Amino acid sequence: MKERVLITGASGFVGFHLIEAALQAGLEVYAAVRPGSEVAHLKPFAIQYTSLNYADAASIRKELEEKQYTYIIHAAGTTKAKLAQEYERVNADFTRNLGVAAAAAAIPLKKFVFISSLAALGPTAYGAPLPIHEQSEAMPVTAYGRSKLVAEKYLAEIEALPLVVLRPTAVYGPREKDIFIVLKTLSLGLEPYISSKPQWLSFVYVKDLAKAVMQALGTDRCHASYNISDGNSYDRYALATITKRILGRKSVKVHLPLGVATLIANLLEAAYAASDKMPALNKEKLRELAAENWNCSIASIRQDLGFVPEYDLEKGLAQTLQWYKDNKWL
């Protein structure tokens, strides 16, 4: 009999690739999706669907006991919210409820993997002597990052939970929509930057992230946290340079002063005032985009889980851009 895994946030970009990796690992997959979520892209997968009331731990516990999950991968959350309280509610409070329910439920739970974010630790200064590592002082610069950090703290307090926390840096790959905006802009010949200060950036291809999650399911380590990237550090121009080379395009570099970028973000937020959505460029996102150093160490996950990234930025972008072209996104 196959072991059963619950994947939350299953209809999202990362969720799609988690489902694919879990099926390849021989697991029986239950995809937790919100009512009304678009799931047409999941139809090729042989999976079951379920929904969770994240606001009610007792309701979650009942669902978990009914399905008897062996593993839980919690990838659900929000990356764009208008208020800090909404980040806190969805990313922290709901995560705590799921963790409490999982620890209390009478199920054969072997591992609870929480997909957090490097934003929970926050960036460091460009000239910092060491890359960001798991013991770095947490200094998130956004409400999103703070909500992920609070979620980590909530889960850490649940001693009975067989927890592993993964903190991916910027995730890209087929179906991703935020970094895609940058790639689309580059394909049109425009290469915008915020300020001209030097930056160190890090990336992880989504299939490498999914592989790390599968490895985390099989580890005997509990209450451990790991940063995830492809193991490399890139200057601020690397993404554009590689993309242009793959696409065979040229571009015009434009360096926007931070003040101008802030004004644009404010105007976009004002334009979205009557909407329940947020623009891709907003004041929260700007803090991350303008940060000096997102270079992180993956020494711990290499040592503990045997994680070896298969994709550097060039290899990952080649596959990503091909997918965008094949599917008429570019």
Protein backbone atom coordinates (compact mmCIF):
# COMPACT_ATOMS: atom_id res chain seq x y z
CA MET A 1 0.00 0.00 0.00
CA LYS A 2 1.35 3.41 -0.99
CA GLU A 3 2.17 5.98 1.64
CA ARG A 4 -0.10 9.00 1.48
CA VAL A 5 1.02 12.64 1.30
CA LEU A 6 -1.02 15.80 1.76
CA ILE A 7 0.26 18.75 -0.29
CA THR A 8 -1.21 22.14 0.56
CA GLY A 9 -1.05 24.97 -1.93
CA ALA A 10 -1.19 22.26 -4.56
CA SER A 11 -2.73 24.38 -7.30
CA GLY A 12 0.13 26.89 -7.22
CA PHE A 13 3.41 27.07 -9.12
CA VAL A 14 5.48 25.18 -6.54
CA GLY A 15 2.58 22.87 -5.72
CA PHE A 16 2.43 21.58 -9.30
CA HIS A 17 6.06 20.50 -9.16
CA LEU A 18 5.66 19.00 -5.69
CA ILE A 19 2.82 16.84 -6.98
CA GLU A 20 4.95 15.71 -9.89
CA ALA A 21 7.89 14.83 -7.62
CA ALA A 22 5.69 13.04 -5.06
CA LEU A 23 4.09 10.87 -7.73
CA GLN A 24 7.51 10.02 -9.13
CA ALA A 25 8.51 9.01 -5.59
CA GLY A 26 5.64 6.53 -5.53
CA LEU A 27 3.42 8.39 -3.08
CA GLU A 28 -0.35 8.61 -3.12
CA VAL A 29 -1.07 12.34 -3.42
CA TYR A 30 -3.90 14.34 -1.93
CA ALA A 31 -3.91 17.91 -3.21
CA ALA A 32 -5.37 20.47 -0.81
CA VAL A 33 -6.90 23.28 -2.86
CA ARG A 34 -9.26 26.10 -2.07
CA PRO A 35 -12.81 25.83 -3.43
CA GLY A 36 -12.93 27.47 -6.83
CA SER A 37 -9.19 27.15 -7.45
CA GLU A 38 -8.03 26.59 -11.03
CA VAL A 39 -6.95 22.95 -11.26
CA ALA A 40 -7.20 22.24 -14.98
CA HIS A 41 -3.39 22.08 -15.19
CA LEU A 42 -3.44 19.26 -12.62
CA LYS A 43 -5.72 16.98 -14.65
CA PRO A 44 -2.86 14.88 -16.08
CA PHE A 45 -1.95 13.80 -12.55
CA ALA A 46 -3.52 10.77 -10.87
CA ILE A 47 -4.33 12.52 -7.59
CA GLN A 48 -7.14 13.04 -5.12
CA TYR A 49 -8.42 16.44 -4.00
CA THR A 50 -9.35 17.75 -0.60
CA SER A 51 -9.90 21.08 1.13
CA LEU A 52 -8.99 22.32 4.58
CA ASN A 53 -10.52 24.90 6.87
CA TYR A 54 -7.23 26.42 8.03
CA ALA A 55 -9.02 28.62 10.55
CA ASP A 56 -10.21 25.60 12.55
CA ALA A 57 -7.62 23.19 13.96
CA ALA A 58 -10.32 20.73 15.08
CA SER A 59 -11.72 20.56 11.56
CA ILE A 60 -8.24 20.00 10.15
CA ARG A 61 -7.57 17.22 12.65
CA LYS A 62 -10.76 15.45 11.60
CA GLU A 63 -9.69 15.63 7.93
CA LEU A 64 -6.20 14.33 8.73
CA GLU A 65 -7.55 11.39 10.73
CA GLU A 66 -10.04 10.54 8.01
CA LYS A 67 -7.34 10.35 5.33
CA GLN A 68 -4.49 8.97 7.50
CA TYR A 69 -1.61 10.87 5.95
CA THR A 70 1.95 9.67 6.36
CA TYR A 71 3.44 12.96 5.19
CA ILE A 72 2.35 16.59 5.07
CA ILE A 73 3.96 19.19 2.82
CA HIS A 74 2.72 22.65 3.69
CA ALA A 75 3.30 24.92 0.71
CA ALA A 76 0.15 27.04 0.98
CA GLY A 77 0.42 30.72 1.81
CA THR A 78 0.16 34.20 0.39
CA THR A 79 2.96 36.23 -1.15
CA LYS A 80 0.87 39.32 -1.82
CA ALA A 81 -1.41 40.90 0.78
CA LYS A 82 -2.52 44.45 1.44
CA LEU A 83 -2.14 44.31 5.20
CA ALA A 84 0.46 42.80 7.51
CA GLN A 85 -2.42 41.20 9.43
CA GLU A 86 -3.39 39.22 6.33
CA TYR A 87 0.13 37.84 5.95
CA GLU A 88 0.05 36.95 9.65
CA ARG A 89 -3.34 35.25 9.41
CA VAL A 90 -2.65 33.18 6.31
CA ASN A 91 1.06 32.44 6.62
CA ALA A 92 1.44 32.20 10.40
CA ASP A 93 -1.89 31.50 12.11
CA PHE A 94 -3.11 29.01 9.53
CA THR A 95 0.26 27.24 9.59
CA ARG A 96 0.08 26.93 13.37
CA ASN A 97 -3.42 25.45 13.15
CA LEU A 98 -2.25 22.84 10.66
CA GLY A 99 0.78 22.00 12.79
CA VAL A 100 -1.29 21.69 15.98
CA ALA A 101 -3.80 19.46 14.21
CA ALA A 102 -1.08 17.28 12.68
CA ALA A 103 0.64 16.75 16.03
CA ALA A 104 -2.62 15.91 17.79
CA ALA A 105 -4.14 13.70 15.10
CA ALA A 106 -4.09 9.91 15.35
CA ILE A 107 -2.23 9.43 12.09
CA PRO A 108 1.04 7.66 11.12
CA LEU A 109 2.77 11.00 10.46
CA LYS A 110 6.47 10.59 9.64
CA LYS A 111 7.28 14.11 8.48
CA PHE A 112 5.79 17.59 8.33
CA VAL A 113 7.70 19.73 5.81
CA PHE A 114 7.04 23.45 5.96
CA ILE A 115 8.10 25.48 2.94
CA SER A 116 9.09 28.80 4.44
CA SER A 117 11.28 31.35 2.66
CA LEU A 118 14.73 32.88 2.85
CA ALA A 119 12.75 36.09 3.38
CA ALA A 120 12.14 34.85 6.95
CA LEU A 121 15.84 35.43 7.66
CA GLY A 122 16.08 38.49 5.44
CA PRO A 123 18.99 39.85 3.41
CA THR A 124 22.38 41.03 4.63
CA ALA A 125 24.68 43.84 3.55
CA TYR A 126 26.63 43.43 0.31
CA GLY A 127 29.94 43.39 2.10
CA ALA A 128 28.88 40.88 4.75
CA PRO A 129 31.73 38.39 5.36
CA LEU A 130 29.56 35.27 5.25
CA PRO A 131 26.58 34.18 3.15
CA ILE A 132 23.25 33.89 4.94
CA HIS A 133 23.17 30.64 6.90
CA GLU A 134 20.71 28.91 9.19
CA GLN A 135 22.10 30.54 12.33
CA SER A 136 22.12 34.06 10.88
CA GLU A 137 20.18 36.58 12.91
CA ALA A 138 16.69 36.83 11.43
CA MET A 139 16.06 40.35 10.12
CA PRO A 140 13.20 40.12 7.61
CA VAL A 141 12.55 43.32 5.68
CA THR A 142 8.96 42.59 4.66
CA ALA A 143 5.69 41.68 6.34
CA TYR A 144 5.75 38.52 4.24
CA GLY A 145 9.14 37.53 5.62
CA ARG A 146 8.08 38.34 9.17
CA SER A 147 4.94 36.20 8.80
CA LYS A 148 7.03 33.26 7.62
CA LEU A 149 9.39 33.71 10.57
CA VAL A 150 6.45 33.76 12.99
CA ALA A 151 5.10 30.59 11.35
CA GLU A 152 8.47 28.89 11.89
CA LYS A 153 8.42 29.89 15.56
CA TYR A 154 4.88 28.61 16.01
CA LEU A 155 5.79 25.22 14.53
CA ALA A 156 9.00 25.00 16.56
CA GLU A 157 6.90 25.19 19.73
CA ILE A 158 5.00 22.00 18.78
CA GLU A 159 7.47 19.45 20.12
CA ALA A 160 5.58 16.38 18.92
CA LEU A 161 5.64 17.57 15.31
CA PRO A 162 8.20 15.74 13.08
CA LEU A 163 9.14 19.04 11.49
CA VAL A 164 11.58 20.06 8.77
CA VAL A 165 11.62 23.70 7.60
CA LEU A 166 12.93 24.57 4.15
CA ARG A 167 13.78 28.16 3.24
CA PRO A 168 14.12 28.49 -0.53
CA THR A 169 15.54 31.64 -2.06
CA ALA A 170 13.98 33.02 -5.28
CA VAL A 171 12.26 30.07 -6.96
CA TYR A 172 11.87 30.02 -10.75
CA GLY A 173 10.83 27.53 -13.37
CA PRO A 174 7.94 26.54 -15.63
CA ARG A 175 4.63 28.15 -14.58
CA GLU A 176 6.26 30.80 -12.32
CA LYS A 177 4.68 34.23 -12.84
CA ASP A 178 6.74 36.86 -10.96
CA ILE A 179 10.27 36.31 -12.27
CA PHE A 180 8.51 35.63 -15.57
CA ILE A 181 7.63 39.33 -15.71
CA VAL A 182 11.36 40.13 -15.71
CA LEU A 183 12.02 37.52 -18.40
CA LYS A 184 9.16 38.85 -20.52
CA THR A 185 10.49 42.41 -20.19
CA LEU A 186 13.96 41.23 -21.24
CA SER A 187 12.50 39.47 -24.26
CA LEU A 188 11.08 42.86 -25.32
CA GLY A 189 14.51 44.47 -25.12
CA LEU A 190 14.21 46.34 -21.83
CA GLU A 191 16.46 45.60 -18.84
CA PRO A 192 15.32 47.59 -15.77
CA TYR A 193 17.16 47.76 -12.46
CA ILE A 194 16.50 49.47 -9.15
CA SER A 195 19.46 51.72 -8.38
CA SER A 196 22.99 50.91 -9.53
CA LYS A 197 24.34 49.53 -6.26
CA PRO A 198 26.01 46.11 -6.40
CA GLN A 199 23.93 43.10 -5.37
CA TRP A 200 24.43 39.40 -4.75
CA LEU A 201 21.44 37.25 -5.63
CA SER A 202 20.61 33.56 -5.35
CA PHE A 203 18.11 31.34 -7.14
CA VAL A 204 16.76 27.80 -7.02
CA TYR A 205 15.12 25.94 -9.88
CA VAL A 206 11.73 24.59 -8.85
CA LYS A 207 12.61 20.97 -9.63
CA ASP A 208 15.59 21.19 -7.29
CA LEU A 209 13.31 22.55 -4.59
CA ALA A 210 10.88 19.68 -5.14
CA LYS A 211 13.78 17.22 -4.91
CA ALA A 212 14.87 18.76 -1.60
CA VAL A 213 11.33 18.39 -0.26
CA MET A 214 11.30 14.70 -1.17
CA GLN A 215 14.65 14.24 0.58
CA ALA A 216 13.27 16.03 3.64
CA LEU A 217 10.38 13.55 3.79
CA GLY A 218 12.86 10.71 4.13
CA THR A 219 15.21 12.18 6.72
CA ASP A 220 15.17 11.09 10.34
CA ARG A 221 16.02 14.65 11.42
CA CYS A 222 13.31 16.64 13.14
CA HIS A 223 12.97 20.30 14.04
CA ALA A 224 15.70 21.15 11.56
CA SER A 225 15.77 24.16 9.22
CA TYR A 226 17.61 24.47 5.90
CA ASN A 227 18.25 27.22 3.39
CA ILE A 228 17.94 26.21 -0.26
CA SER A 229 19.52 27.67 -3.39
CA ASP A 230 21.49 26.25 -6.29
CA GLY A 231 24.64 26.85 -4.24
CA ASN A 232 25.83 29.78 -6.33
CA SER A 233 25.90 33.54 -5.89
CA TYR A 234 25.04 35.77 -8.85
CA ASP A 235 25.60 39.45 -9.47
CA ARG A 236 22.61 41.61 -10.30
CA TYR A 237 23.14 41.28 -14.08
CA ALA A 238 23.47 37.49 -14.31
CA LEU A 239 19.78 36.72 -14.80
CA ALA A 240 19.54 39.17 -17.71
CA THR A 241 22.86 38.19 -19.25
CA ILE A 242 21.96 34.49 -19.34
CA THR A 243 18.40 35.14 -20.53
CA LYS A 244 19.54 37.36 -23.40
CA ARG A 245 22.14 34.79 -24.46
CA ILE A 246 19.56 31.99 -24.51
CA LEU A 247 16.97 34.09 -26.36
CA GLY A 248 19.51 35.72 -28.67
CA ARG A 249 18.26 39.18 -27.73
CA LYS A 250 19.80 42.54 -26.92
CA SER A 251 18.44 45.02 -24.40
CA VAL A 252 18.70 48.53 -23.07
CA LYS A 253 19.75 48.80 -19.41
CA VAL A 254 17.75 51.26 -17.33
CA HIS A 255 18.74 51.98 -13.72
CA LEU A 256 15.85 53.52 -11.83
CA PRO A 257 16.78 55.50 -8.70
CA LEU A 258 15.24 53.90 -5.62
CA GLY A 259 13.10 57.02 -5.09
CA VAL A 260 11.61 56.69 -8.58
CA ALA A 261 10.96 52.97 -8.11
CA THR A 262 9.27 53.74 -4.79
CA LEU A 263 7.06 56.32 -6.48
CA ILE A 264 6.07 53.79 -9.15
CA ALA A 265 5.27 51.19 -6.48
CA ASN A 266 3.11 53.73 -4.60
CA LEU A 267 1.24 54.66 -7.79
CA LEU A 268 0.63 51.01 -8.64
CA GLU A 269 -0.69 50.29 -5.16
CA ALA A 270 -3.01 53.29 -5.45
CA ALA A 271 -4.27 52.00 -8.80
CA TYR A 272 -5.06 48.66 -7.14
CA ALA A 273 -6.76 50.27 -4.13
CA ALA A 274 -10.21 49.03 -5.13
CA SER A 275 -8.95 45.56 -6.03
CA ASP A 276 -8.38 42.60 -3.74
CA LYS A 277 -5.14 41.93 -5.61
CA MET A 278 -1.70 43.52 -5.37
CA PRO A 279 0.51 44.68 -8.26
CA ALA A 280 3.66 42.69 -9.00
CA LEU A 281 5.73 45.72 -7.99
CA ASN A 282 4.65 47.01 -4.59
CA LYS A 283 6.39 48.55 -1.58
CA GLU A 284 6.84 45.15 0.05
CA LYS A 285 8.38 43.58 -3.04
CA LEU A 286 10.57 46.61 -3.57
CA ARG A 287 12.31 46.05 -0.23
CA GLU A 288 13.34 42.58 -1.37
CA LEU A 289 14.32 43.66 -4.87
CA ALA A 290 16.51 46.49 -3.56
CA ALA A 291 18.24 44.41 -0.88
CA GLU A 292 22.01 44.10 -1.27
CA ASN A 293 22.69 40.43 -0.54
CA TRP A 294 20.56 37.30 -0.86
CA ASN A 295 23.51 34.93 -1.13
CA CYS A 296 22.91 31.95 1.16
CA SER A 297 24.84 28.88 2.21
CA ILE A 298 23.45 25.39 1.52
CA ALA A 299 26.21 23.57 3.38
CA SER A 300 23.79 22.26 6.02
CA ILE A 301 21.29 20.69 3.65
CA ARG A 302 24.13 19.22 1.60
CA GLN A 303 25.55 17.57 4.69
CA ASP A 304 22.35 16.47 6.43
CA LEU A 305 20.11 15.50 3.50
CA GLY A 306 22.63 14.90 0.75
CA PHE A 307 21.04 17.62 -1.36
CA VAL A 308 22.96 18.31 -4.57
CA PRO A 309 21.36 20.87 -6.92
CA GLU A 310 21.08 19.68 -10.52
CA TYR A 311 20.41 23.08 -12.03
CA ASP A 312 22.50 26.23 -12.00
CA LEU A 313 20.90 29.41 -13.33
CA GLU A 314 21.94 28.79 -16.94
CA LYS A 315 20.59 25.23 -17.09
CA GLY A 316 17.41 26.13 -15.22
CA LEU A 317 16.70 29.21 -17.33
CA ALA A 318 17.20 27.24 -20.54
CA GLN A 319 14.46 24.81 -19.55
CA THR A 320 12.24 27.55 -18.15
CA LEU A 321 12.44 29.78 -21.21
CA GLN A 322 11.81 26.80 -23.49
CA TRP A 323 8.66 25.99 -21.51
CA TYR A 324 7.46 29.59 -21.75
CA LYS A 325 7.99 29.53 -25.52
CA ASP A 326 6.37 26.13 -25.97
CA ASN A 327 3.33 27.28 -24.00
CA LYS A 328 3.09 30.67 -25.75
CA TRP A 329 4.00 32.74 -22.71
CA LEU A 330 6.91 34.22 -24.65
